[in-house]
Amino acid sequence: MTKTAQQLGIRVMGLVHLYPIPEGDVVALRGVDLEIAPGEVVALLGPSGMGKSTLLRLIAGLFNPSAGRIFLGDKDISQYRARELARLRGREVSLVLQGAANNLLGYGTVRENLVFAADTKESRLRAEELLVTLGLAPMAQRVVRSLSGGQQQMCALAVGMVHDPSVLLVDEPTSQLDHASRDLVVDLLMRINAEYHTTVVIVTHDPHIAQAMPRTITIRDGRVGAEGRFGEEFAVVGQDGTLQLPPHLRHVLPPDSLVKVNQIEGGLELVLVEEDARA
């Protein structure tokens, strides 16, 4: 069965999100700008609490941002109402939650889980196709709770593909998996992208995944802090001209440093202004 869903890219502009608490608002995202091309595979990296999962859930349409805009293709979903967001999640965007058990019926077989997620003739046919295409046919009759953690995660990804989404969003797919299972899950994500040309966005704090990803985006303190290509990291200049240094260089230019920027042949030179030079 060929892919029927339209390929969609993702564009985020000035995204801000606040979580209100009695003591005052907590800023999860503060001016995020990023663009993901249709059919691209991207991993969002960074420690816990930096805003990665919030960004993933906003793209999934679980709630609206406090400010900023989110485009899926040419659709601005940042102002969608709850019913419109639910329709979006049902067809164009699929979110696989952290922990395979949160996406599956443990008492059902692998095949039953895929068929249960299907609600049209086309999606039921796709469920059967996915078992073969994604290599799950040998375990189709096994009960999910009898599977290993890696096998359950593979089943969860297949369930996420039943409705042929244009965008597949996956939160921490290798959490608590051993190295062999982690590699199987990463291989399956890449196979989904290659076979169905689905735009895939993965949230992870696992540095081993970064080495396998053609593109990574590191979220630090609620902003885009760096970009990477197959494990090599680069600083990113934001839309407002800000530049976040990689953590291992922050001691060189600590907060409130004065830096002189010189344009030189082939690039820029940053020169730290010493205390004596400021007087």
Protein backbone atom coordinates (compact mmCIF):
# COMPACT_ATOMS: atom_id res chain seq x y z
CA MET A 1 0.00 0.00 0.00
CA THR A 2 1.51 3.34 -1.00
CA LYS A 3 1.54 6.33 1.27
CA THR A 4 -1.59 8.45 0.90
CA ALA A 5 -0.95 11.16 3.48
CA GLN A 6 0.61 14.41 2.33
CA GLN A 7 4.16 15.01 3.49
CA LEU A 8 4.25 17.87 5.99
CA GLY A 9 7.06 19.99 7.32
CA ILE A 10 7.06 21.76 10.69
CA ARG A 11 7.79 25.42 11.28
CA VAL A 12 7.88 26.97 14.76
CA MET A 13 8.15 30.74 15.20
CA GLY A 14 8.76 32.55 18.49
CA LEU A 15 7.20 29.75 20.52
CA VAL A 16 6.63 30.50 24.21
CA HIS A 17 4.90 28.29 26.75
CA LEU A 18 4.21 28.92 30.43
CA TYR A 19 2.95 26.52 33.08
CA PRO A 20 1.08 28.43 35.80
CA ILE A 21 1.76 27.43 39.41
CA PRO A 22 0.76 29.20 42.65
CA GLU A 23 4.27 30.58 43.13
CA GLY A 24 4.33 32.08 39.62
CA ASP A 25 4.54 30.94 36.00
CA VAL A 26 7.20 28.42 35.00
CA VAL A 27 8.67 29.14 31.57
CA ALA A 28 9.05 25.88 29.63
CA LEU A 29 9.82 27.43 26.23
CA ARG A 30 11.09 30.94 25.57
CA GLY A 31 11.17 32.00 21.94
CA VAL A 32 11.81 28.75 20.07
CA ASP A 33 12.38 29.02 16.31
CA LEU A 34 12.97 25.95 14.20
CA GLU A 35 12.08 24.42 10.85
CA ILE A 36 11.85 20.72 9.96
CA ALA A 37 11.52 19.79 6.29
CA PRO A 38 8.89 17.33 5.01
CA GLY A 39 10.18 13.78 5.31
CA GLU A 40 13.07 14.72 7.63
CA VAL A 41 14.19 12.75 10.70
CA VAL A 42 15.11 14.96 13.66
CA ALA A 43 15.93 14.24 17.29
CA LEU A 44 15.32 16.82 20.02
CA LEU A 45 18.11 16.44 22.57
CA GLY A 46 18.84 17.83 26.00
CA PRO A 47 18.54 17.03 29.72
CA SER A 48 15.19 16.52 31.39
CA GLY A 49 13.23 19.68 32.16
CA MET A 50 14.60 21.71 29.23
CA GLY A 51 11.29 21.87 27.28
CA LYS A 52 11.72 19.02 24.77
CA SER A 53 8.56 17.13 25.65
CA THR A 54 6.56 20.36 25.92
CA LEU A 55 7.63 21.26 22.39
CA LEU A 56 6.67 17.78 21.14
CA ARG A 57 3.23 17.99 22.74
CA LEU A 58 2.60 21.44 21.29
CA ILE A 59 3.43 20.16 17.80
CA ALA A 60 1.11 17.21 18.49
CA GLY A 61 -1.70 19.63 19.31
CA LEU A 62 -2.31 18.45 22.87
CA PHE A 63 -2.69 22.10 23.90
CA ASN A 64 -2.10 25.60 22.55
CA PRO A 65 1.10 27.58 23.15
CA SER A 66 1.14 30.68 25.35
CA ALA A 67 2.55 32.65 22.41
CA GLY A 68 4.11 32.07 19.02
CA ARG A 69 3.03 30.04 16.01
CA ILE A 70 3.24 26.42 14.89
CA PHE A 71 2.79 25.49 11.24
CA LEU A 72 2.21 21.98 9.93
CA GLY A 73 2.65 22.48 6.23
CA ASP A 74 0.76 25.70 5.55
CA LYS A 75 -1.66 25.23 8.50
CA ASP A 76 -1.18 27.42 11.56
CA ILE A 77 -2.33 25.06 14.33
CA SER A 78 -1.37 27.35 17.21
CA GLN A 79 -4.88 28.82 17.33
CA TYR A 80 -6.80 25.60 16.60
CA ARG A 81 -9.67 24.75 18.91
CA ALA A 82 -9.79 21.48 20.85
CA ARG A 83 -11.95 19.71 18.26
CA GLU A 84 -9.66 20.77 15.41
CA LEU A 85 -6.60 19.61 17.35
CA ALA A 86 -8.23 16.23 18.04
CA ARG A 87 -8.96 15.80 14.33
CA LEU A 88 -5.36 16.69 13.54
CA ARG A 89 -4.04 14.06 15.98
CA GLY A 90 -6.39 11.48 14.59
CA ARG A 91 -5.03 11.71 11.06
CA GLU A 92 -2.12 14.00 10.20
CA VAL A 93 -0.05 13.76 13.39
CA SER A 94 0.62 10.71 15.55
CA LEU A 95 2.17 10.91 19.03
CA VAL A 96 3.83 7.87 20.63
CA LEU A 97 4.07 8.53 24.35
CA GLN A 98 7.03 7.68 26.56
CA GLY A 99 6.72 4.11 27.83
CA ALA A 100 5.39 1.55 25.36
CA ALA A 101 2.71 0.41 27.83
CA ASN A 102 1.07 3.86 27.61
CA ASN A 103 0.33 3.22 23.92
CA LEU A 104 -0.72 -0.44 24.00
CA LEU A 105 -3.27 -2.89 25.39
CA GLY A 106 -1.08 -5.29 27.35
CA TYR A 107 -3.59 -8.15 27.25
CA GLY A 108 -3.96 -8.02 23.45
CA THR A 109 -1.75 -9.50 20.77
CA VAL A 110 0.42 -7.36 18.53
CA ARG A 111 -2.06 -7.79 15.67
CA GLU A 112 -5.03 -6.96 17.92
CA ASN A 113 -3.34 -3.75 19.05
CA LEU A 114 -2.83 -2.59 15.48
CA VAL A 115 -6.35 -3.57 14.41
CA PHE A 116 -7.86 -1.92 17.50
CA ALA A 117 -6.17 1.36 16.55
CA ALA A 118 -7.66 1.13 13.04
CA ASP A 119 -11.14 2.55 12.42
CA THR A 120 -11.44 2.46 8.63
CA LYS A 121 -11.08 -0.23 6.00
CA GLU A 122 -7.95 1.46 4.71
CA SER A 123 -6.32 1.65 8.15
CA ARG A 124 -7.16 -2.00 8.83
CA LEU A 125 -5.42 -2.96 5.59
CA ARG A 126 -2.49 -0.78 6.60
CA ALA A 127 -2.31 -2.52 9.99
CA GLU A 128 -1.75 -5.85 8.24
CA GLU A 129 0.79 -4.26 5.90
CA LEU A 130 2.73 -2.73 8.80
CA LEU A 131 3.17 -6.12 10.43
CA VAL A 132 5.07 -7.26 7.36
CA THR A 133 6.81 -4.02 6.35
CA LEU A 134 8.11 -3.28 9.85
CA GLY A 135 9.13 -6.87 10.58
CA LEU A 136 6.53 -7.60 13.26
CA ALA A 137 4.79 -10.51 11.53
CA PRO A 138 6.69 -13.21 13.51
CA MET A 139 5.32 -11.80 16.77
CA ALA A 140 1.84 -10.87 15.48
CA GLN A 141 0.04 -13.47 17.64
CA ARG A 142 2.03 -12.84 20.80
CA VAL A 143 0.42 -11.04 23.75
CA VAL A 144 2.03 -7.63 24.21
CA ARG A 145 2.83 -8.02 27.90
CA SER A 146 4.87 -11.15 27.07
CA LEU A 147 7.20 -9.16 24.79
CA SER A 148 10.52 -7.60 25.70
CA GLY A 149 10.71 -3.85 26.23
CA GLY A 150 12.22 -3.32 22.80
CA GLN A 151 9.56 -5.44 21.09
CA GLN A 152 6.80 -3.53 22.89
CA GLN A 153 8.29 -0.23 21.73
CA MET A 154 8.41 -1.52 18.14
CA CYS A 155 4.74 -2.46 18.44
CA ALA A 156 3.92 1.01 19.81
CA LEU A 157 5.61 2.64 16.80
CA ALA A 158 3.63 0.43 14.44
CA VAL A 159 0.40 1.43 16.18
CA GLY A 160 1.41 5.06 15.70
CA MET A 161 1.64 4.46 11.95
CA VAL A 162 -1.76 2.80 11.47
CA HIS A 163 -3.45 5.98 10.22
CA ASP A 164 -0.60 6.83 7.84
CA PRO A 165 0.34 10.10 9.58
CA SER A 166 2.35 12.76 7.84
CA VAL A 167 4.21 13.47 11.10
CA LEU A 168 5.25 10.86 13.69
CA LEU A 169 6.24 12.28 17.10
CA VAL A 170 8.00 9.93 19.51
CA ASP A 171 8.81 10.70 23.15
CA GLU A 172 11.85 8.90 24.66
CA PRO A 173 11.48 5.68 22.62
CA THR A 174 14.64 4.05 24.04
CA SER A 175 14.10 4.88 27.70
CA GLN A 176 15.08 1.91 29.93
CA LEU A 177 16.06 -0.27 26.95
CA ASP A 178 19.34 -2.17 26.66
CA HIS A 179 21.75 -1.34 23.86
CA ALA A 180 20.53 -4.08 21.51
CA SER A 181 16.87 -3.10 21.93
CA ARG A 182 17.76 0.57 21.54
CA ASP A 183 19.43 -0.13 18.21
CA LEU A 184 16.40 -2.11 16.99
CA VAL A 185 14.07 0.77 17.83
CA VAL A 186 16.31 3.35 16.12
CA ASP A 187 16.55 1.12 13.04
CA LEU A 188 12.76 0.81 12.97
CA LEU A 189 12.31 4.60 13.14
CA MET A 190 14.68 5.02 10.20
CA ARG A 191 12.84 2.27 8.30
CA ILE A 192 9.50 4.03 8.87
CA ASN A 193 10.96 7.20 7.44
CA ALA A 194 12.51 5.42 4.44
CA GLU A 195 9.46 3.30 3.67
CA TYR A 196 6.69 5.85 4.23
CA HIS A 197 8.59 9.17 3.92
CA THR A 198 7.04 10.23 7.22
CA THR A 199 8.44 13.26 9.00
CA VAL A 200 9.82 11.84 12.27
CA VAL A 201 10.60 13.89 15.39
CA ILE A 202 12.11 12.07 18.37
CA VAL A 203 12.60 13.42 21.90
CA THR A 204 15.53 11.82 23.72
CA HIS A 205 18.30 12.47 26.22
CA ASP A 206 20.26 9.44 24.94
CA PRO A 207 23.54 10.62 23.35
CA HIS A 208 23.85 7.33 21.44
CA ILE A 209 20.76 8.21 19.41
CA ALA A 210 22.34 11.51 18.40
CA GLN A 211 25.17 9.68 16.69
CA ALA A 212 22.67 7.87 14.44
CA MET A 213 20.56 10.92 13.58
CA PRO A 214 21.10 12.96 10.40
CA ARG A 215 19.98 16.02 12.36
CA THR A 216 19.63 16.86 16.04
CA ILE A 217 18.32 19.98 17.76
CA THR A 218 19.42 20.57 21.35
CA ILE A 219 16.97 22.39 23.62
CA ARG A 220 18.61 24.28 26.49
CA ASP A 221 16.74 26.46 28.98
CA GLY A 222 13.68 26.51 26.74
CA ARG A 223 15.54 27.65 23.61
CA VAL A 224 17.25 26.06 20.64
CA GLY A 225 20.80 25.78 21.91
CA ALA A 226 22.59 23.83 19.20
CA GLU A 227 22.19 21.73 16.07
CA GLY A 228 24.00 18.50 15.25
CA ARG A 229 24.74 16.23 12.33
CA PHE A 230 25.41 12.57 13.18
CA GLY A 231 26.69 13.45 16.64
CA GLU A 232 28.72 16.57 15.78
CA GLU A 233 27.24 19.65 17.47
CA PHE A 234 27.14 23.23 16.19
CA ALA A 235 26.01 26.48 17.85
CA VAL A 236 22.93 28.12 16.32
CA VAL A 237 22.23 31.82 15.85
CA GLY A 238 18.60 32.49 16.76
CA GLN A 239 16.16 34.67 14.84
CA ASP A 240 16.84 37.47 17.34
CA GLY A 241 20.61 37.19 16.88
CA THR A 242 21.25 35.34 20.14
CA LEU A 243 23.87 32.59 20.26
CA GLN A 244 23.97 29.87 22.90
CA LEU A 245 27.42 28.46 23.53
CA PRO A 246 27.93 24.69 23.90
CA PRO A 247 28.09 23.79 27.63
CA HIS A 248 31.79 22.86 27.50
CA LEU A 249 32.63 26.43 26.38
CA ARG A 250 30.46 28.39 28.79
CA HIS A 251 33.32 28.82 31.29
CA VAL A 252 35.22 30.73 28.60
CA LEU A 253 32.42 33.29 28.21
CA PRO A 254 30.44 33.24 31.48
CA PRO A 255 27.16 35.16 31.86
CA ASP A 256 27.46 38.96 31.55
CA SER A 257 30.79 38.73 29.72
CA LEU A 258 31.61 41.57 27.33
CA VAL A 259 32.62 40.17 23.96
CA LYS A 260 33.97 42.06 20.98
CA VAL A 261 32.88 40.63 17.64
CA ASN A 262 35.25 41.15 14.74
CA GLN A 263 34.49 40.22 11.18
CA ILE A 264 37.42 38.37 9.63
CA GLU A 265 37.94 36.58 6.36
CA GLY A 266 35.72 33.51 6.31
CA GLY A 267 33.81 34.27 9.50
CA LEU A 268 33.75 36.04 12.86
CA GLU A 269 36.18 36.35 15.75
CA LEU A 270 34.96 36.60 19.36
CA VAL A 271 37.29 38.43 21.75
CA LEU A 272 36.62 38.48 25.49
CA VAL A 273 37.00 42.02 26.92
CA GLU A 274 39.00 41.74 30.14
CA GLU A 275 38.06 43.67 33.27
CA ASP A 276 40.97 46.12 32.90
CA ALA A 277 39.93 46.96 29.38
CA ARG A 278 36.44 47.96 30.53
CA ALA A 279 37.66 50.77 32.80
